[in-house]
Protein backbone atom coordinates (compact mmCIF):
# COMPACT_ATOMS: atom_id res chain seq x y z
CA ILE A 1 92.26 14.69 50.75
CA LEU A 2 89.11 16.83 50.32
CA ARG A 3 88.45 15.31 46.91
CA LEU A 4 88.95 11.84 48.38
CA ARG A 5 86.38 12.57 51.12
CA VAL A 6 83.81 13.81 48.59
CA PHE A 7 84.38 10.72 46.47
CA LEU A 8 83.96 8.39 49.46
CA ILE A 9 80.75 10.16 50.53
CA TRP A 10 79.37 9.86 46.98
CA VAL A 11 80.24 6.13 46.86
CA LEU A 12 78.66 5.58 50.29
CA ALA A 13 75.47 7.40 49.26
CA TRP A 14 75.28 5.34 46.08
CA LEU A 15 75.68 2.08 47.99
CA LEU A 16 73.04 3.06 50.52
CA LEU A 17 70.55 4.22 47.87
CA PRO A 18 67.64 1.76 47.97
CA ALA A 19 66.98 -0.36 44.93
CA GLY A 20 64.30 0.99 42.62
CA ALA A 21 64.74 4.59 43.78
CA MET A 22 62.77 7.02 41.63
CA ALA A 23 62.63 10.71 40.88
CA LEU A 24 59.09 10.75 42.28
CA PRO A 25 58.41 12.58 45.54
CA ALA A 26 57.98 10.72 48.81
CA ALA A 27 54.21 11.09 48.91
CA THR A 28 52.14 9.91 51.86
CA VAL A 29 51.09 6.29 51.52
CA ALA A 30 47.33 5.84 51.98
CA VAL A 31 46.15 2.53 53.42
CA ILE A 32 43.00 1.77 51.45
CA ASP A 33 41.56 -0.33 54.29
CA ASP A 34 41.48 2.83 56.41
CA LEU A 35 39.62 4.86 53.78
CA PRO A 36 35.81 5.03 53.69
CA PRO A 37 33.93 3.48 50.72
CA PHE A 38 34.07 6.89 49.05
CA GLN A 39 36.79 9.43 49.66
CA ARG A 40 38.02 12.58 47.93
CA VAL A 41 41.75 12.10 47.55
CA ASP A 42 42.94 15.41 46.07
CA GLU A 43 45.16 15.97 49.11
CA LEU A 44 46.82 12.55 48.64
CA PHE A 45 48.12 13.42 45.17
CA GLN A 46 51.11 15.65 44.53
CA HIS A 47 51.23 17.37 41.18
CA LEU A 48 53.80 18.63 38.72
CA GLU A 49 53.26 21.11 35.88
CA ASP A 50 55.10 20.15 32.70
CA ALA A 51 55.01 23.28 30.55
CA SER A 52 57.00 21.59 27.79
CA GLY A 53 54.77 18.51 27.72
CA LYS A 54 57.86 16.36 27.16
CA ILE A 55 58.32 14.65 30.54
CA THR A 56 57.65 10.93 30.27
CA VAL A 57 56.88 8.28 32.83
CA ASP A 58 60.38 6.88 32.33
CA ASP A 59 61.84 10.27 33.29
CA LEU A 60 59.82 10.23 36.51
CA LEU A 61 60.80 6.67 37.33
CA GLY A 62 64.47 7.31 36.65
CA GLU A 63 67.08 8.35 39.19
CA ALA A 64 68.75 11.21 37.32
CA THR A 65 66.41 14.09 38.11
CA HIS A 66 64.11 15.02 40.94
CA TYR A 67 61.12 17.08 39.85
CA PRO A 68 59.48 19.87 41.89
CA PHE A 69 56.17 18.24 42.72
CA GLU A 70 53.73 20.36 44.74
CA PRO A 71 51.65 18.90 47.58
CA GLY A 72 47.93 18.32 47.15
CA GLY A 73 45.25 20.18 49.08
CA ASN A 74 41.65 19.84 50.17
CA ALA A 75 40.44 21.83 47.16
CA VAL A 76 40.07 20.26 43.72
CA LEU A 77 43.12 20.85 41.54
CA ASN A 78 41.90 23.36 38.96
CA LYS A 79 44.33 25.03 36.56
CA GLY A 80 41.76 26.62 34.25
CA TYR A 81 42.85 26.79 30.62
CA SER A 82 46.49 25.80 30.24
CA ASP A 83 48.72 24.34 27.52
CA SER A 84 50.79 22.47 30.11
CA ALA A 85 50.60 18.80 30.93
CA PHE A 86 50.12 17.89 34.59
CA TRP A 87 51.46 14.84 36.39
CA LEU A 88 49.73 13.62 39.54
CA VAL A 89 51.25 10.97 41.79
CA GLY A 90 49.81 9.10 44.77
CA ARG A 91 50.69 5.97 46.74
CA PHE A 92 48.31 3.35 48.07
CA ARG A 93 48.80 0.20 50.14
CA ALA A 94 46.51 -2.63 51.16
CA GLY A 95 46.43 -3.72 54.80
CA ASN A 96 47.91 -6.99 56.00
CA GLN A 97 44.55 -8.70 56.39
CA ASP A 98 44.38 -12.48 56.59
CA GLY A 99 44.01 -14.50 53.42
CA ASP A 100 44.96 -13.64 49.88
CA LYS A 101 41.88 -11.68 48.85
CA LYS A 102 42.64 -8.80 46.52
CA GLN A 103 41.49 -5.28 47.29
CA LEU A 104 39.87 -3.53 44.29
CA ARG A 105 39.23 0.21 44.20
CA TYR A 106 38.20 2.66 41.49
CA LEU A 107 40.17 5.87 41.08
CA GLU A 108 37.91 8.51 39.55
CA ILE A 109 38.46 11.81 37.74
CA ASP A 110 35.04 13.42 37.88
CA TYR A 111 35.32 15.66 34.82
CA SER A 112 34.37 14.23 31.44
CA LEU A 113 35.92 16.88 29.14
CA LEU A 114 39.61 16.11 29.67
CA ASP A 115 41.24 15.43 26.31
CA ASP A 116 44.15 13.16 27.15
CA ILE A 117 44.66 11.05 30.28
CA GLN A 118 47.47 8.55 30.78
CA PHE A 119 47.24 6.33 33.86
CA PHE A 120 50.14 4.25 35.15
CA VAL A 121 50.30 1.71 37.98
CA VAL A 122 53.87 1.36 39.24
CA VAL A 123 55.22 -1.47 41.40
CA ASP A 124 58.85 -1.51 42.56
CA GLY A 125 59.80 1.21 40.10
CA LYS A 126 58.31 -0.52 37.06
CA VAL A 127 55.06 0.15 35.18
CA GLU A 128 52.72 -2.77 35.84
CA GLN A 129 49.60 -1.45 34.06
CA GLN A 130 48.76 1.56 31.93
CA TRP A 131 45.82 3.04 30.06
CA HIS A 132 45.57 5.92 27.61
CA THR A 133 42.15 7.54 27.24
CA GLY A 134 40.31 10.88 27.21
CA ASP A 135 37.55 12.53 25.22
CA THR A 136 39.79 12.77 22.13
CA HIS A 137 40.15 8.98 22.16
CA PRO A 138 37.47 6.40 21.31
CA TYR A 139 35.15 5.62 24.18
CA SER A 140 36.30 1.98 24.03
CA SER A 141 39.74 3.08 25.29
CA ARG A 142 38.34 3.52 28.81
CA PRO A 143 39.23 0.72 31.24
CA ILE A 144 35.79 0.94 32.87
CA ASP A 145 32.62 1.66 30.89
CA HIS A 146 31.36 4.93 32.32
CA ALA A 147 30.77 8.57 31.32
CA ARG A 148 33.29 9.66 33.95
CA PHE A 149 36.91 8.52 33.97
CA LEU A 150 37.38 5.45 36.19
CA PHE A 151 40.59 3.45 36.62
CA PRO A 152 40.95 0.14 38.51
CA LEU A 153 43.48 -0.19 41.30
CA GLU A 154 44.00 -3.77 42.53
CA LEU A 155 46.27 -4.64 45.46
CA GLN A 156 47.27 -7.85 47.21
CA PRO A 157 47.39 -7.85 51.05
CA GLY A 158 50.28 -5.68 52.20
CA GLN A 159 51.13 -4.60 48.66
CA GLU A 160 51.99 -0.98 47.84
CA LYS A 161 51.51 0.65 44.46
CA THR A 162 52.25 4.07 43.05
CA VAL A 163 49.76 5.54 40.59
CA LEU A 164 50.48 8.34 38.16
CA PHE A 165 48.20 10.43 35.99
CA ARG A 166 49.39 12.52 33.07
CA ILE A 167 46.61 14.93 32.08
CA GLN A 168 46.58 17.41 29.22
CA SER A 169 43.57 19.15 27.74
CA THR A 170 42.42 22.12 25.70
CA SER A 171 39.34 22.28 27.92
CA SER A 172 39.42 23.54 31.47
CA LEU A 173 41.99 21.55 33.48
CA ARG A 174 39.80 20.56 36.40
CA MET A 175 40.99 17.34 38.05
CA PRO A 176 38.74 16.20 40.92
CA LEU A 177 40.07 12.91 42.30
CA ALA A 178 38.23 10.30 44.34
CA ILE A 179 38.58 6.65 45.32
CA TRP A 180 35.63 4.25 45.52
CA GLU A 181 34.81 0.74 46.56
CA PRO A 182 33.12 -0.70 43.43
CA PHE A 183 29.91 -1.64 45.26
CA GLU A 184 29.61 1.84 46.78
CA PHE A 185 30.25 3.46 43.42
CA TYR A 186 27.52 1.57 41.59
CA HIS A 187 25.16 2.01 44.53
CA SER A 188 25.70 5.78 44.45
CA GLN A 189 25.00 5.82 40.71
CA ARG A 190 21.37 4.97 41.33
CA ALA A 191 20.66 8.36 42.89
CA HIS A 192 22.99 10.13 40.47
CA LEU A 193 21.33 8.62 37.42
CA LEU A 194 17.91 9.35 38.88
CA LEU A 195 18.73 13.06 39.19
CA ASP A 196 20.29 13.21 35.73
CA GLY A 197 17.32 11.31 34.29
CA LEU A 198 14.94 13.75 35.96
CA TYR A 199 16.86 16.69 34.52
CA PHE A 200 16.96 15.39 30.95
CA GLY A 201 13.37 14.19 31.32
CA ILE A 202 12.25 17.74 32.09
CA LEU A 203 14.11 19.08 29.05
CA PHE A 204 12.73 16.44 26.69
CA LEU A 205 9.22 16.89 28.08
CA MET A 206 9.36 20.64 27.46
CA PHE A 207 10.82 20.02 24.01
CA PHE A 208 8.10 17.64 22.79
CA TYR A 209 5.26 19.49 24.53
CA ASN A 210 6.14 22.76 22.84
CA LEU A 211 6.86 20.98 19.54
CA CYS A 212 3.25 19.81 19.58
CA LEU A 213 2.10 23.36 20.34
CA LEU A 214 4.23 24.64 17.46
CA LEU A 215 2.41 22.28 15.07
CA ILE A 216 -0.94 23.52 16.38
CA VAL A 217 -0.33 27.25 16.95
CA ARG A 218 2.31 27.77 14.22
CA ASP A 219 3.92 30.64 16.10
CA ILE A 220 7.66 31.01 15.43
CA SER A 221 8.21 31.72 19.14
CA TYR A 222 7.71 28.00 19.76
CA PHE A 223 10.31 27.14 17.13
CA TYR A 224 12.88 29.36 18.85
CA TYR A 225 11.99 27.76 22.17
CA ILE A 226 12.37 24.15 21.02
CA ALA A 227 15.61 25.00 19.13
CA TYR A 228 16.92 26.62 22.31
CA THR A 229 15.91 23.62 24.43
CA PHE A 230 17.52 21.22 21.95
CA SER A 231 20.74 23.28 22.11
CA ILE A 232 20.78 23.01 25.90
CA VAL A 233 20.22 19.24 25.74
CA THR A 234 23.08 18.82 23.26
CA PHE A 235 25.38 21.02 25.33
CA GLN A 236 24.60 19.11 28.50
CA LEU A 237 25.08 15.73 26.81
CA GLY A 238 28.58 16.93 25.96
CA MET A 239 29.31 18.37 29.39
CA THR A 240 28.16 15.31 31.33
CA GLY A 241 29.76 12.77 28.98
CA TYR A 242 26.47 10.95 28.34
CA GLY A 243 26.55 11.94 24.68
CA PHE A 244 29.98 10.36 24.26
CA GLU A 245 28.88 7.28 26.18
CA TYR A 246 25.60 6.61 24.34
CA VAL A 247 25.48 8.59 21.08
CA TRP A 248 28.87 9.24 19.45
CA SER A 249 31.10 6.75 21.30
CA GLU A 250 33.51 6.12 18.43
CA LEU A 251 33.51 9.70 17.13
CA PRO A 252 35.65 11.60 19.64
CA GLY A 253 36.13 14.43 17.17
CA ILE A 254 32.61 15.63 18.01
CA ASN A 255 33.79 16.48 21.52
CA GLU A 256 36.30 18.93 20.06
CA PHE A 257 33.70 21.39 18.79
CA LEU A 258 30.45 20.46 20.55
CA ILE A 259 30.85 22.67 23.64
CA PRO A 260 31.63 26.02 21.92
CA LEU A 261 29.10 25.23 19.19
CA GLY A 262 26.46 24.48 21.82
CA ILE A 263 27.16 27.71 23.70
CA CYS A 264 26.77 29.78 20.52
CA ALA A 265 23.57 27.94 19.54
CA ILE A 266 22.08 28.53 23.00
CA ALA A 267 22.89 32.25 22.79
CA LEU A 268 21.53 32.56 19.25
CA PHE A 269 18.15 30.96 19.88
CA VAL A 270 17.53 32.57 23.24
CA VAL A 271 18.20 36.00 21.69
CA LYS A 272 15.70 35.28 18.90
CA PHE A 273 13.25 33.99 21.50
CA CYS A 274 13.71 37.17 23.55
CA GLN A 275 13.14 39.40 20.51
CA ARG A 276 9.90 37.60 19.76
CA ILE A 277 8.49 36.99 23.22
CA LEU A 278 9.12 40.58 24.37
CA ASP A 279 8.09 42.03 21.00
CA LEU A 280 11.24 44.17 20.95
CA LYS A 281 10.70 45.25 17.36
CA ARG A 282 7.73 47.28 18.57
CA ASN A 283 8.60 47.92 22.22
CA ALA A 284 12.38 48.56 21.95
CA PRO A 285 13.55 49.01 18.32
CA ALA A 286 17.12 49.94 19.28
CA MET A 287 17.51 46.83 21.42
CA HIS A 288 15.98 44.75 18.63
CA ALA A 289 18.56 46.07 16.17
CA PHE A 290 21.38 45.41 18.66
CA PHE A 291 20.22 41.82 19.10
CA ASN A 292 20.26 41.34 15.32
CA GLY A 293 23.98 42.08 15.51
CA VAL A 294 24.33 39.62 18.40
CA VAL A 295 22.67 36.92 16.30
CA LEU A 296 25.20 37.47 13.51
CA LEU A 297 28.00 37.24 16.08
CA GLN A 298 26.70 33.86 17.29
CA ILE A 299 26.60 32.55 13.73
CA VAL A 300 30.24 33.59 13.32
CA GLY A 301 31.04 31.82 16.60
CA MET A 302 29.35 28.62 15.40
CA VAL A 303 31.34 28.64 12.17
CA ALA A 304 34.57 29.33 14.10
CA SER A 305 33.79 26.42 16.45
CA LEU A 306 33.69 24.08 13.47
CA ALA A 307 36.73 25.54 11.72
CA LEU A 308 39.20 26.52 14.45
CA PRO A 309 40.90 24.61 17.30
CA TYR A 310 39.02 24.42 20.59
CA GLN A 311 41.61 26.37 22.56
CA LEU A 312 41.33 29.34 20.20
CA VAL A 313 37.56 29.71 20.35
CA ILE A 314 36.49 28.58 23.83
CA LYS A 315 37.59 31.66 25.80
CA PRO A 316 36.04 34.20 23.37
CA VAL A 317 32.88 32.08 23.23
CA ILE A 318 32.59 31.98 27.04
CA LEU A 319 33.21 35.72 27.39
CA ASN A 320 30.70 36.40 24.62
CA ALA A 321 28.12 34.19 26.37
CA MET A 322 28.64 36.10 29.62
CA LEU A 323 28.11 39.40 27.77
CA VAL A 324 24.96 38.14 26.02
CA SER A 325 23.62 36.83 29.33
CA SER A 326 24.10 40.21 30.98
CA VAL A 327 22.44 42.11 28.12
CA LEU A 328 19.47 39.74 28.11
CA LEU A 329 19.09 40.19 31.85
CA TYR A 330 19.14 43.97 31.44
CA CYS A 331 16.62 43.83 28.61
CA GLY A 332 14.31 41.57 30.60
CA ALA A 333 14.53 43.85 33.63
CA VAL A 334 13.73 46.98 31.58
CA GLU A 335 10.72 45.37 29.94
CA ALA A 336 9.56 43.84 33.24
CA MET A 337 9.53 47.28 34.86
CA LYS A 338 7.08 48.38 32.17
CA GLY A 339 4.62 45.91 33.67
CA THR A 340 4.53 43.30 30.91
CA PRO A 341 3.65 39.88 32.43
CA THR A 342 5.70 37.91 29.89
CA ALA A 343 8.72 40.15 30.55
CA ARG A 344 8.53 39.44 34.27
CA LEU A 345 8.46 35.68 33.71
CA PHE A 346 11.30 35.95 31.20
CA PHE A 347 13.39 37.96 33.66
CA ILE A 348 12.92 35.39 36.44
CA ALA A 349 13.61 32.48 34.08
CA TRP A 350 16.71 34.05 32.58
CA SER A 351 18.02 35.02 36.01
CA SER A 352 17.91 31.34 37.00
CA LEU A 353 19.89 30.24 33.97
CA LEU A 354 22.26 33.18 34.17
CA MET A 355 23.25 32.34 37.70
CA GLY A 356 24.00 28.74 36.77
CA ALA A 357 25.84 29.72 33.57
CA LEU A 358 28.01 32.30 35.31
CA ILE A 359 28.97 29.81 38.00
CA LEU A 360 29.86 27.19 35.39
CA ALA A 361 31.89 29.71 33.36
CA THR A 362 33.87 30.93 36.36
CA VAL A 363 34.57 27.34 37.42
CA SER A 364 35.85 26.56 33.91
CA MET A 365 38.10 29.62 33.99
CA GLY A 366 39.50 28.47 37.35
CA TRP A 367 38.24 31.53 39.23
CA ILE A 368 36.16 29.68 41.86
CA PRO A 369 36.52 26.16 43.33
CA ALA A 370 34.80 23.22 41.66
CA ASN A 371 32.42 21.21 43.85
CA LEU A 372 29.08 19.42 43.63
CA VAL A 373 27.06 22.65 43.68
CA THR A 374 29.18 24.75 41.31
CA THR A 375 29.65 22.02 38.70
CA ASN A 376 25.89 21.26 38.56
CA ALA A 377 24.63 24.84 38.88
CA PHE A 378 23.91 25.12 35.16
CA MET A 379 21.78 21.96 35.19
CA LEU A 380 19.59 23.25 38.01
CA GLY A 381 19.33 26.74 36.54
CA SER A 382 18.50 25.49 33.04
CA ALA A 383 15.82 23.09 34.31
CA ILE A 384 14.09 25.92 36.15
CA GLU A 385 14.53 28.25 33.19
CA VAL A 386 13.09 26.04 30.43
CA THR A 387 10.07 25.34 32.62
CA LEU A 388 9.46 29.03 33.26
CA LEU A 389 9.97 29.89 29.57
CA SER A 390 7.34 27.34 28.64
CA ILE A 391 4.99 29.08 31.08
CA THR A 392 6.01 32.38 29.48
CA LEU A 393 4.97 31.06 26.06
CA ALA A 394 1.60 30.02 27.49
CA GLU A 395 1.18 33.45 29.06
CA ARG A 396 2.02 35.11 25.75
CA LEU A 397 -0.51 32.92 23.94
CA ASN A 398 -3.15 33.88 26.50
CA GLN A 399 -2.20 37.52 26.08
CA ILE A 400 -2.53 37.28 22.29
CA ASN A 401 -5.91 35.56 22.61
CA HIS A 402 -7.02 38.21 25.09
CA GLU A 403 -5.94 41.00 22.74
CA LYS A 404 -7.67 39.26 19.86
CA THR A 405 -10.85 38.94 21.91
CA GLU A 406 -10.68 42.62 22.88
CA MET A 407 -10.16 43.62 19.25
CA GLU A 408 -13.13 41.52 18.20
CA LYS A 409 -15.24 43.19 20.88
CA GLU A 410 -14.08 46.62 19.75
CA ALA A 411 -14.85 45.75 16.14
CA LYS A 412 -18.25 44.43 17.15
CA ARG A 413 -19.03 47.60 19.11
CA ALA A 414 -17.87 49.78 16.22
CA LEU A 415 -20.08 47.79 13.84
CA GLU A 416 -23.05 48.20 16.17
CA ILE A 417 -22.44 51.95 16.33
CA VAL A 418 -22.29 52.16 12.53
CA ASN A 419 -25.49 50.14 12.16
CA GLN A 420 -27.24 52.26 14.76
CA THR A 421 -26.12 55.44 12.98
CA LEU A 422 -27.41 54.14 9.66
CA GLN A 423 -30.75 53.24 11.24
CA ASP A 424 -31.03 56.70 12.81
CA ASN A 425 -30.29 58.37 9.45
CA ASN A 426 -32.99 56.29 7.75
C-alpha cells in the first residue's frame, strides 16, 4: 500500500509538471518596461560555478538535474582568477503595451578581457538565439560592434525570455552586468569616448613631445620615458579593448600575452628611467645594483609571457609589479628626503601611478569590489604620472644646464686666477 501511494504521488507530480520545465532556478522576472534606460542587473542574475567546465546548456534546460544556483547581489560578481566556468541566468519580460512594437535592449558585460563567453536566449525551454565570443575569438564574432561585450535582447509585447551566459577565462573573472536601451547606450558613449580620448591624447602628446626632445637633446632618459609611455599605451589598449577593436581585430592570440608582457615592459622601463633620472649609480650604488637585477627579472617575465600560458604567468607578474612599485616608491622617498627636486617630482608622480596600479591589481585578484572608480583608477593615475614625469625630465634638463653653467663659471674664474697669477709673476 505504501509503495502504491508513492507511485501515485510520483505519477500525479509528473502529470502536474508544467510543459517545458527546466533545471534552471526560478529567478525573478524583470519587466524591462519598468527598468530605467540604464540599469545594473547583477542582482537579477543567479550564478552557478561549474568547476568541471562540462555542464552544457542542454543540461541546464533538461529536467533531470537541478543545479545549485546562487542568488545575485548588488555587488559585481567577481571570482578573481579561477579555472571554473560560470553560468549566469536571468529572466526578462516585455510589458503588455498596445501594438506589436518590439522591445530591444542591450545586455552588457563591462569587462573586455574575458576569454570565452557563450550567450543563449531561451524561449519556452528551447534556445532561440546564441552567440559565442570573447577575447580569444575573432572580433567579428561579437553580435554588436563594440570594445565591450554587448548582446541584443529583443522581446515582443508580453513575451518572456530567459538569458544565459557561460563565462570562462584565464584572466580575472569579473562579470559586471547591465542592461541598456540602445539610444541611451550610444548617447552615453559620447562622454565615455571623450574621456578615453582625452586620456590617450595625453599619453600620445607626452610620447611625441618627448620623442622630439630626445632627437634634440639625445639624452637616454628621454628614450626610457617614451618607451615607458608606449608600454602604458599598449597595456591600456589591451585593458580597454580598443586595441582589439581597432588594431588587431582578427588576431585574438595577441590578447593572450599582451597584458603580462605590458606589465613587465612598464616595470622594466620605469626602473631604467628611475636609475637615470635619480642618478642612482652615483647617489645610491647599492640600489642601482639591485635595480639591475630587477631589470633582468622583467626581461625574464617578458619572455615567459610570450612562451607560457596566461594563467601561469599573470599572478607572478602582478605580484612582481606590486613589489617593484613598492621599491620604487621607497627609493623615490629616500632620494626626495635628500632634497633633490627631481626626486620629489618622481616620488609624487610614482605615488599617483602606484595608487592606481595597486587598486587595479587588487580588483583583478578579487580582493576589492569592481566599480567605476576602481576599474579606471590606473588610467587616472597613469595620466597624472606621465605628465609629472615629463615635468621631471624638464627639471632634470634645467638642473644639468644649471650645473653646466656653474662649472663654466668655475672654470672661467679658475682661468682668471691663473692668468692673474701669471701676470703678477711677470
